[in-house]
Amino acid sequence: MENTVKQHHSSSDNHDEHTPDNNMPNGCETCDATETGTTETAGDAGEPATSVVPATSLADIAHEWLADHTTELYEWRWDFHAHPELSDQEYRTTATINSILRDHGLTPHLFPNTGLMVDIGPDTPEKIAFRADIDALPIQEHTGCEHSSQNAGVMHACGHDIHITVALGLACVLAEADRRGLIKIGIRIIFQPAEEVMDSGAPELIQLGVLERISNIFAIHAEPKIRTGMIGVRVGPITSAGDVIEVKVTGSGGHSSRPHLTNDVVYALAKIVTDLPGLLTRRVDPRTATVMVFGAINAGFAPNAIPEEGTIRGTIRTGDIHVWRKIQPLLEELIGAIVAPTGAQYQITYVKGVPPVINDDVATAVLADAARMMDPQAVVQAPQSSGGEDFSWYLEHVAGSMARLGCWDGVSEKGDLHKANMLADEKCIPVGVRLFAGVADRFNSHADQVFVV
């Protein structure tokens, strides 16, 4: 496989965030008639004043479809937002997605528990894929919106309701294009369960074969720090690796007046909490953004009694995949050195999370090109997030890229992911549909070539 679309090889341009045209986010008002494939003519007497040139690109089909169905997309989004479901419990969500896809003439394939995928277009030797995650978080919603979660303690605080709806909009656009005979390549849309948990859904789906014959895969993530209408792109790592560590320390307890007769596990735990992050900065290059943070500590009940055991739990994050692959034995070494002087015993439970999402340069350029087709100034440089995303597992196998879909309305206070007041601007949905349709269009228009990424 040696032929490439050479103009994709350069990294995308960086632009400062700016305010797009006020009508831009809905993907309908700002484009002129020629962009939709419709041209106005005066016509002779007795003849129609308007002649319609059929749309020939997926981008044109997206523009036409959104002109009639954007309100429907919003209704789907608010239904998902009002009925969030936790990881591996997305039964209603899966059923709703399945129903919508079937209503539009598609034939989805259900995964064993929850989630599904759908193939659109011809069964070509190589396909491209788009992925949307569908689970919610164990958070009580406090947005105050009329479509707030009806499931107590569960909320779409990470924008997955947006991701689902964008993918559904893309599926509908592609279904319409396929009916017109315009799709030349196979396109797969994956609705993935269980992104939000450590034992996440992506590896299981990969084992089920969702990446077979897939050459490139794309995803978006809602970003409340970026204005609606803007697309954040980044070549290389756009998220970080995230693991969980638990350290249980045991030893002889006793009265707090005689600590010299104990192993003082509280002191040992405190030393780990205070010393480990600093030691790590002397063993790992600080440019890798490697951070150790403890979020829970439990030991004892009485102020005058040294307990016999205690536990701390925390996360280790890094933006460097090479550090991620080597960090566990280093942490074990350092913890052992910290605890040794106390005479206490310790047990480490280490749970590997996800590697960083490392965006391919060519795939990212395709995303950026698709964004600029909507608005020449739509692309902004996305920073690397310290958060984790299991889309990274797909990119361990095939080339691809994740973009940040701006979802801040420019008026309200900027929110943040995983917070109880996180509420994405609905107008980002048609932007996401047009972005994905533009990506699909780029591959579809080069179906006679081979994309090597």
Protein backbone atom coordinates (compact mmCIF):
# COMPACT_ATOMS: atom_id res chain seq x y z
CA MET A 1 0.00 0.00 0.00
CA GLU A 2 2.06 2.93 -1.21
CA ASN A 3 -0.23 5.50 -2.84
CA THR A 4 -1.19 8.43 -0.66
CA VAL A 5 -3.08 11.66 -0.86
CA LYS A 6 0.05 13.70 -0.44
CA GLN A 7 -1.54 16.97 0.55
CA HIS A 8 -2.63 15.35 3.82
CA HIS A 9 0.90 14.85 5.12
CA SER A 10 1.41 18.31 6.54
CA SER A 11 0.19 19.05 10.04
CA SER A 12 -2.90 21.23 10.35
CA ASP A 13 -2.48 24.98 10.77
CA ASN A 14 -2.87 26.57 14.17
CA HIS A 15 -5.41 29.36 14.57
CA ASP A 16 -6.39 31.40 17.57
CA GLU A 17 -9.90 30.76 18.81
CA HIS A 18 -12.30 33.29 17.39
CA THR A 19 -15.97 33.93 17.17
CA PRO A 20 -17.45 32.30 14.08
CA ASP A 21 -20.35 33.66 12.08
CA ASN A 22 -23.40 33.74 14.35
CA ASN A 23 -25.27 31.43 12.01
CA MET A 24 -22.41 29.02 11.50
CA PRO A 25 -23.06 26.45 14.24
CA ASN A 26 -26.36 25.22 12.85
CA GLY A 27 -24.69 24.29 9.60
CA CYS A 28 -27.56 25.67 7.50
CA GLU A 29 -27.69 29.42 7.09
CA THR A 30 -24.28 30.61 5.94
CA CYS A 31 -23.57 28.53 2.87
CA ASP A 32 -24.60 29.91 -0.49
CA ALA A 33 -26.84 28.07 -2.89
CA THR A 34 -24.04 26.58 -4.91
CA GLU A 35 -22.68 24.81 -1.82
CA THR A 36 -25.89 22.80 -1.53
CA GLY A 37 -26.02 21.93 -5.18
CA THR A 38 -28.98 24.31 -5.79
CA THR A 39 -28.71 27.15 -8.32
CA GLU A 40 -31.18 29.98 -8.98
CA THR A 41 -31.98 30.97 -12.59
CA ALA A 42 -34.35 33.60 -13.90
CA GLY A 43 -35.89 31.25 -16.43
CA ASP A 44 -37.95 32.08 -19.53
CA ALA A 45 -41.64 32.84 -19.35
CA GLY A 46 -43.62 29.74 -18.49
CA GLU A 47 -40.51 27.92 -17.23
CA PRO A 48 -39.53 27.28 -13.60
CA ALA A 49 -37.41 30.03 -12.07
CA THR A 50 -35.29 27.53 -10.18
CA SER A 51 -33.36 24.55 -11.49
CA VAL A 52 -31.91 22.04 -9.05
CA VAL A 53 -28.57 20.40 -9.62
CA PRO A 54 -28.51 17.09 -7.70
CA ALA A 55 -26.02 16.90 -4.87
CA THR A 56 -23.02 14.79 -5.75
CA SER A 57 -20.95 14.86 -2.57
CA LEU A 58 -21.55 13.60 0.94
CA ALA A 59 -20.95 17.12 2.21
CA ASP A 60 -23.78 18.37 -0.03
CA ILE A 61 -26.08 15.60 1.17
CA ALA A 62 -25.29 16.53 4.77
CA HIS A 63 -26.16 20.17 4.09
CA GLU A 64 -29.47 19.20 2.49
CA TRP A 65 -30.39 16.69 5.17
CA LEU A 66 -29.60 19.04 8.05
CA ALA A 67 -31.75 21.76 6.50
CA ASP A 68 -34.77 19.53 7.11
CA HIS A 69 -33.77 17.45 10.13
CA THR A 70 -31.72 19.53 12.58
CA THR A 71 -34.71 19.92 14.91
CA GLU A 72 -35.10 16.14 14.89
CA LEU A 73 -31.45 15.78 15.90
CA TYR A 74 -32.03 18.09 18.83
CA GLU A 75 -35.01 16.00 19.94
CA TRP A 76 -32.90 12.84 19.84
CA ARG A 77 -30.16 14.51 21.85
CA TRP A 78 -32.49 15.66 24.61
CA ASP A 79 -34.05 12.21 24.81
CA PHE A 80 -30.62 10.67 25.38
CA HIS A 81 -29.75 13.44 27.84
CA ALA A 82 -32.90 12.82 29.87
CA HIS A 83 -32.34 9.06 29.98
CA PRO A 84 -28.62 8.50 30.72
CA GLU A 85 -27.37 5.03 31.57
CA LEU A 86 -24.20 3.86 33.29
CA SER A 87 -21.46 1.82 31.63
CA ASP A 88 -22.58 -1.62 30.43
CA GLN A 89 -26.16 -0.74 31.38
CA GLU A 90 -27.01 1.24 28.23
CA TYR A 91 -30.04 -0.89 27.34
CA ARG A 92 -32.54 1.87 26.57
CA THR A 93 -29.85 3.86 24.79
CA THR A 94 -28.94 0.89 22.59
CA ALA A 95 -32.59 0.17 21.81
CA THR A 96 -33.26 3.80 20.88
CA ILE A 97 -30.22 3.99 18.58
CA ASN A 98 -31.21 0.69 16.98
CA SER A 99 -34.76 1.93 16.37
CA ILE A 100 -33.63 5.20 14.78
CA LEU A 101 -31.18 3.43 12.48
CA ARG A 102 -33.80 0.92 11.37
CA ASP A 103 -36.34 3.69 10.78
CA HIS A 104 -33.85 5.11 8.28
CA GLY A 105 -33.49 1.86 6.37
CA LEU A 106 -30.29 0.63 7.99
CA THR A 107 -29.49 -2.78 9.46
CA PRO A 108 -27.49 -2.46 12.69
CA HIS A 109 -25.51 -5.26 14.32
CA LEU A 110 -26.06 -5.50 18.08
CA PHE A 111 -23.15 -6.33 20.38
CA PRO A 112 -23.59 -9.11 22.99
CA ASN A 113 -24.60 -6.86 25.90
CA THR A 114 -25.03 -3.22 24.91
CA GLY A 115 -23.91 -1.09 22.02
CA LEU A 116 -24.11 -1.70 18.29
CA MET A 117 -22.60 -0.84 14.94
CA VAL A 118 -23.90 -0.27 11.45
CA ASP A 119 -22.23 -0.64 8.05
CA ILE A 120 -23.25 1.65 5.21
CA GLY A 121 -22.21 1.53 1.58
CA PRO A 122 -20.53 -1.21 -0.44
CA ASP A 123 -18.56 -4.03 1.14
CA THR A 124 -15.17 -2.74 0.02
CA PRO A 125 -11.85 -4.41 0.96
CA GLU A 126 -11.05 -1.44 3.20
CA LYS A 127 -13.49 0.70 5.14
CA ILE A 128 -13.37 3.76 7.34
CA ALA A 129 -15.06 3.97 10.73
CA PHE A 130 -16.51 6.52 13.11
CA ARG A 131 -16.94 5.85 16.82
CA ALA A 132 -19.34 7.32 19.37
CA ASP A 133 -19.40 6.35 23.06
CA ILE A 134 -22.84 5.98 24.64
CA ASP A 135 -22.52 5.66 28.44
CA ALA A 136 -23.10 8.24 31.17
CA LEU A 137 -21.56 9.06 34.55
CA PRO A 138 -22.63 8.48 38.18
CA ILE A 139 -23.26 12.20 38.78
CA GLN A 140 -26.41 13.97 39.96
CA GLU A 141 -27.27 16.60 37.36
CA HIS A 142 -27.54 20.25 38.41
CA THR A 143 -27.90 22.01 35.06
CA GLY A 144 -31.47 23.14 35.67
CA CYS A 145 -32.40 22.44 32.05
CA GLU A 146 -35.88 21.19 31.21
CA HIS A 147 -34.44 17.96 29.82
CA SER A 148 -32.40 17.11 32.92
CA SER A 149 -31.69 13.49 33.74
CA GLN A 150 -34.66 11.44 34.87
CA ASN A 151 -32.32 8.80 36.32
CA ALA A 152 -31.29 9.84 39.81
CA GLY A 153 -27.53 10.03 40.24
CA VAL A 154 -26.78 9.45 36.55
CA MET A 155 -25.92 12.15 34.03
CA HIS A 156 -24.46 12.77 30.59
CA ALA A 157 -21.74 15.01 32.01
CA CYS A 158 -19.14 14.10 29.38
CA GLY A 159 -21.11 14.94 26.25
CA HIS A 160 -21.80 11.39 25.12
CA ASP A 161 -25.38 12.41 24.32
CA ILE A 162 -23.80 14.76 21.77
CA HIS A 163 -21.51 12.04 20.42
CA ILE A 164 -24.43 9.63 19.95
CA THR A 165 -26.55 12.20 18.14
CA VAL A 166 -23.75 13.31 15.82
CA ALA A 167 -23.12 9.68 14.85
CA LEU A 168 -26.84 9.14 14.25
CA GLY A 169 -26.97 12.24 12.07
CA LEU A 170 -24.01 10.95 10.08
CA ALA A 171 -25.72 7.57 9.66
CA CYS A 172 -28.84 9.25 8.31
CA VAL A 173 -26.83 11.38 5.89
CA LEU A 174 -24.92 8.35 4.66
CA ALA A 175 -28.13 6.33 4.31
CA GLU A 176 -29.56 9.05 2.07
CA ALA A 177 -26.34 9.21 0.06
CA ASP A 178 -26.35 5.43 -0.33
CA ARG A 179 -29.92 5.51 -1.62
CA ARG A 180 -28.69 7.90 -4.31
CA GLY A 181 -25.80 5.60 -5.18
CA LEU A 182 -23.15 8.08 -4.08
CA ILE A 183 -21.17 5.98 -1.60
CA LYS A 184 -18.17 4.17 -3.08
CA ILE A 185 -16.50 2.90 0.11
CA GLY A 186 -17.65 0.95 3.12
CA ILE A 187 -18.32 3.11 6.18
CA ARG A 188 -18.83 1.72 9.69
CA ILE A 189 -20.32 3.61 12.62
CA ILE A 190 -19.61 2.15 16.06
CA PHE A 191 -21.76 3.00 19.07
CA GLN A 192 -19.50 1.87 21.89
CA PRO A 193 -20.60 1.12 25.46
CA ALA A 194 -18.60 1.56 28.66
CA GLU A 195 -16.06 4.24 27.85
CA GLU A 196 -16.17 5.74 31.34
CA VAL A 197 -14.90 2.73 33.33
CA MET A 198 -11.40 1.35 33.70
CA ASP A 199 -12.37 -2.01 32.21
CA SER A 200 -13.68 -0.13 29.22
CA GLY A 201 -15.62 -1.24 26.18
CA ALA A 202 -13.17 -0.61 23.34
CA PRO A 203 -10.89 -3.64 23.88
CA GLU A 204 -13.86 -6.00 23.93
CA LEU A 205 -15.23 -4.58 20.69
CA ILE A 206 -11.82 -4.87 19.08
CA GLN A 207 -11.77 -8.54 20.08
CA LEU A 208 -15.20 -8.89 18.48
CA GLY A 209 -13.68 -7.69 15.19
CA VAL A 210 -15.03 -4.16 14.77
CA LEU A 211 -11.72 -3.06 13.26
CA GLU A 212 -11.47 -5.82 10.66
CA ARG A 213 -10.75 -4.21 7.27
CA ILE A 214 -10.86 -0.73 8.83
CA SER A 215 -8.07 1.52 7.55
CA ASN A 216 -8.95 4.70 9.45
CA ILE A 217 -11.17 5.54 12.40
CA PHE A 218 -12.38 8.93 13.64
CA ALA A 219 -14.08 10.31 16.73
CA ILE A 220 -15.07 13.58 18.33
CA HIS A 221 -15.21 14.70 21.93
CA ALA A 222 -17.44 17.54 23.07
CA GLU A 223 -15.32 20.39 24.42
CA PRO A 224 -16.99 23.08 26.58
CA LYS A 225 -13.84 25.22 26.52
CA ILE A 226 -14.11 25.75 22.76
CA ARG A 227 -16.86 27.78 21.12
CA THR A 228 -19.55 26.09 19.06
CA GLY A 229 -18.58 26.03 15.40
CA MET A 230 -14.90 25.53 16.15
CA ILE A 231 -12.98 22.26 15.85
CA GLY A 232 -9.92 21.53 17.97
CA VAL A 233 -7.31 19.31 16.33
CA ARG A 234 -3.92 18.07 17.43
CA VAL A 235 -1.30 15.81 15.88
CA GLY A 236 0.16 13.33 18.34
CA PRO A 237 -1.16 12.79 21.86
CA ILE A 238 -4.41 14.66 22.53
CA THR A 239 -5.24 12.84 25.79
CA SER A 240 -3.16 11.19 28.50
CA ALA A 241 -2.77 7.72 29.91
CA GLY A 242 -4.49 7.14 33.22
CA ASP A 243 -3.93 4.28 35.69
CA VAL A 244 -5.25 3.64 39.19
CA ILE A 245 -3.06 2.56 42.11
CA GLU A 246 -4.04 1.30 45.56
CA VAL A 247 -1.51 0.77 48.35
CA LYS A 248 -2.49 -1.18 51.46
CA VAL A 249 -0.05 -0.83 54.37
CA THR A 250 -0.15 -3.20 57.36
CA GLY A 251 1.84 -3.44 60.58
CA SER A 252 1.60 -3.65 64.34
CA GLY A 253 -0.68 -1.05 65.87
CA GLY A 254 -0.86 0.26 69.38
CA HIS A 255 -1.40 3.18 71.69
CA SER A 256 -0.45 6.57 70.26
CA SER A 257 1.69 7.22 73.36
CA ARG A 258 4.06 4.41 72.31
CA PRO A 259 4.56 4.79 68.52
CA HIS A 260 8.05 3.32 68.81
CA LEU A 261 6.44 -0.03 69.59
CA THR A 262 4.37 0.06 66.39
CA ASN A 263 4.98 0.26 62.66
CA ASP A 264 2.75 3.36 62.49
CA VAL A 265 0.96 2.67 59.22
CA VAL A 266 -0.56 6.16 59.23
CA TYR A 267 2.91 7.67 59.12
CA ALA A 268 3.90 5.25 56.35
CA LEU A 269 0.82 6.16 54.31
CA ALA A 270 1.47 9.86 54.83
CA LYS A 271 5.07 9.47 53.64
CA ILE A 272 3.86 7.80 50.43
CA VAL A 273 1.34 10.57 49.79
CA THR A 274 3.86 13.37 50.34
CA ASP A 275 7.08 11.83 49.01
CA LEU A 276 6.03 9.76 46.00
CA PRO A 277 4.92 12.61 43.69
CA GLY A 278 8.17 14.49 44.32
CA LEU A 279 10.38 11.46 43.82
CA LEU A 280 8.58 10.74 40.58
CA THR A 281 9.60 14.14 39.19
CA ARG A 282 13.25 13.16 39.75
CA ARG A 283 12.92 9.90 37.86
CA VAL A 284 10.61 10.89 34.99
CA ASP A 285 11.15 13.68 32.46
CA PRO A 286 8.81 16.52 33.54
CA ARG A 287 8.09 17.30 29.89
CA THR A 288 6.00 14.12 29.76
CA ALA A 289 3.39 15.70 32.07
CA THR A 290 3.47 12.72 34.42
CA VAL A 291 1.40 13.40 37.54
CA MET A 292 0.69 11.28 40.63
CA VAL A 293 -2.33 12.35 42.71
CA PHE A 294 -3.92 10.54 45.65
CA GLY A 295 -7.64 11.04 46.13
CA ALA A 296 -8.52 8.72 49.01
CA ILE A 297 -6.88 7.73 52.31
CA ASN A 298 -8.43 5.50 54.96
CA ALA A 299 -6.86 4.39 58.23
CA GLY A 300 -8.04 4.02 61.81
CA PHE A 301 -10.92 5.49 63.80
CA ALA A 302 -9.58 6.71 67.15
CA PRO A 303 -7.20 9.65 67.63
CA ASN A 304 -5.21 7.81 70.32
CA ALA A 305 -4.82 4.44 68.59
CA ILE A 306 -2.41 3.63 65.77
CA PRO A 307 -4.26 1.24 63.42
CA GLU A 308 -2.92 -2.01 62.03
CA GLU A 309 -3.76 -1.21 58.42
CA GLY A 310 -4.64 1.60 56.07
CA THR A 311 -5.17 2.21 52.38
CA ILE A 312 -4.53 4.98 49.90
CA ARG A 313 -5.84 5.21 46.35
CA GLY A 314 -4.85 7.51 43.55
CA THR A 315 -4.25 8.00 39.85
CA ILE A 316 -1.12 8.27 37.76
CA ARG A 317 -1.38 10.17 34.48
CA THR A 318 1.14 10.72 31.74
CA GLY A 319 1.12 12.19 28.27
CA ASP A 320 3.89 9.89 27.07
CA ILE A 321 3.09 6.37 25.99
CA HIS A 322 6.64 5.17 26.67
CA VAL A 323 6.46 6.40 30.26
CA TRP A 324 3.06 4.76 30.61
CA ARG A 325 4.46 1.39 29.61
CA LYS A 326 7.25 1.60 32.21
CA ILE A 327 5.65 3.49 35.09
CA GLN A 328 4.26 0.59 37.14
CA PRO A 329 7.58 -1.02 38.17
CA LEU A 330 9.04 2.42 38.92
CA LEU A 331 6.18 3.24 41.29
CA GLU A 332 6.56 -0.12 43.00
CA GLU A 333 10.27 0.53 43.50
CA LEU A 334 9.73 4.00 44.98
CA ILE A 335 6.92 2.91 47.29
CA GLY A 336 9.08 0.11 48.62
CA ALA A 337 11.90 2.56 49.38
CA ILE A 338 9.52 4.92 51.18
CA VAL A 339 7.87 2.28 53.36
CA ALA A 340 11.02 0.29 54.24
CA PRO A 341 12.25 2.49 57.16
CA THR A 342 8.91 2.07 58.99
CA GLY A 343 9.10 -1.72 59.06
CA ALA A 344 5.53 -1.95 57.78
CA GLN A 345 4.36 -4.31 55.05
CA TYR A 346 2.61 -3.14 51.91
CA GLN A 347 0.58 -4.51 49.03
CA ILE A 348 0.11 -2.69 45.73
CA THR A 349 -2.89 -3.15 43.46
CA TYR A 350 -2.24 -1.54 40.10
CA VAL A 351 -4.95 -1.20 37.44
CA LYS A 352 -3.77 -0.23 33.97
CA GLY A 353 -6.14 2.22 32.36
CA VAL A 354 -5.82 3.48 28.81
CA PRO A 355 -2.88 4.71 26.75
CA PRO A 356 -2.92 8.26 25.35
CA VAL A 357 -4.96 8.94 22.23
CA ILE A 358 -2.19 9.55 19.68
CA ASN A 359 -3.61 11.21 16.58
CA ASP A 360 -2.11 10.28 13.24
CA ASP A 361 -0.85 13.27 11.25
CA VAL A 362 -2.54 12.35 7.98
CA ALA A 363 -5.88 11.48 9.59
CA THR A 364 -5.76 14.72 11.59
CA ALA A 365 -5.14 16.68 8.40
CA VAL A 366 -8.26 15.09 6.91
CA LEU A 367 -10.27 16.24 9.95
CA ALA A 368 -8.82 19.74 9.67
CA ASP A 369 -9.59 19.90 5.95
CA ALA A 370 -13.19 18.85 6.62
CA ALA A 371 -13.50 21.54 9.30
CA ARG A 372 -12.17 24.24 6.97
CA MET A 373 -14.73 23.24 4.36
CA MET A 374 -17.35 24.46 6.84
CA ASP A 375 -15.45 27.60 7.81
CA PRO A 376 -11.89 28.48 6.75
CA GLN A 377 -11.24 29.72 10.29
CA ALA A 378 -12.91 26.83 12.14
CA VAL A 379 -9.74 25.01 13.19
CA VAL A 380 -8.03 25.69 16.52
CA GLN A 381 -5.11 23.90 18.10
CA ALA A 382 -6.33 21.62 20.88
CA PRO A 383 -4.13 21.24 23.96
CA GLN A 384 -3.25 17.82 25.28
CA SER A 385 -5.75 16.82 27.96
CA SER A 386 -4.73 15.11 31.19
CA GLY A 387 -7.87 13.00 30.93
CA GLY A 388 -8.01 9.51 29.49
CA GLU A 389 -10.07 8.18 26.57
CA ASP A 390 -10.37 4.58 25.46
CA PHE A 391 -10.52 5.62 21.80
CA SER A 392 -6.77 5.15 22.19
CA TRP A 393 -7.18 1.38 21.99
CA TYR A 394 -8.49 1.63 18.42
CA LEU A 395 -5.46 3.71 17.45
CA GLU A 396 -3.17 0.96 18.74
CA HIS A 397 -4.42 -1.04 15.72
CA VAL A 398 -5.36 1.40 12.95
CA ALA A 399 -4.66 5.00 12.03
CA GLY A 400 -7.12 7.66 13.04
CA SER A 401 -7.78 10.88 14.89
CA MET A 402 -10.04 12.41 17.52
CA ALA A 403 -11.14 16.04 17.28
CA ARG A 404 -12.49 18.38 19.94
CA LEU A 405 -16.00 19.53 19.02
CA GLY A 406 -16.58 23.00 20.43
CA CYS A 407 -19.81 23.11 22.44
CA TRP A 408 -19.67 26.42 24.33
CA ASP A 409 -22.43 28.82 23.27
CA GLY A 410 -20.26 31.89 23.83
CA VAL A 411 -22.70 33.35 26.36
CA SER A 412 -22.97 31.09 29.38
CA GLU A 413 -20.10 30.40 31.74
CA LYS A 414 -17.71 27.86 30.31
CA GLY A 415 -18.41 24.50 31.91
CA ASP A 416 -16.21 21.49 32.32
CA LEU A 417 -16.49 17.79 31.63
CA HIS A 418 -17.56 15.46 34.45
CA LYS A 419 -19.19 18.29 36.40
CA ALA A 420 -22.83 18.41 37.48
CA ASN A 421 -23.44 21.64 35.54
CA MET A 422 -21.95 20.43 32.24
CA LEU A 423 -24.42 21.20 29.43
CA ALA A 424 -23.26 21.22 25.82
CA ASP A 425 -24.74 23.66 23.31
CA GLU A 426 -27.07 21.71 21.03
CA LYS A 427 -25.95 23.73 18.01
CA CYS A 428 -22.67 21.82 18.00
CA ILE A 429 -24.54 18.72 16.77
CA PRO A 430 -25.01 19.74 13.10
CA VAL A 431 -21.42 21.00 13.14
CA GLY A 432 -20.28 17.53 14.16
CA VAL A 433 -22.43 15.88 11.50
CA ARG A 434 -20.99 18.12 8.80
CA LEU A 435 -17.46 17.49 10.07
CA PHE A 436 -17.87 13.71 9.91
CA ALA A 437 -19.63 13.91 6.54
CA GLY A 438 -16.72 15.98 5.25
CA VAL A 439 -14.24 13.35 6.43
CA ALA A 440 -16.27 10.57 4.80
CA ASP A 441 -16.52 12.66 1.64
CA ARG A 442 -12.75 13.02 1.43
CA PHE A 443 -12.25 9.25 1.50
CA ASN A 444 -15.26 8.63 -0.73
CA SER A 445 -14.01 11.03 -3.40
CA HIS A 446 -10.66 9.22 -3.43
CA ALA A 447 -12.13 5.72 -3.42
CA ASP A 448 -9.95 4.77 -6.38
CA GLN A 449 -6.82 5.57 -4.36
CA VAL A 450 -5.30 3.96 -1.30
CA PHE A 451 -4.93 6.00 1.85
CA VAL A 452 -1.79 5.09 3.75
CA VAL A 453 -1.66 6.64 7.20
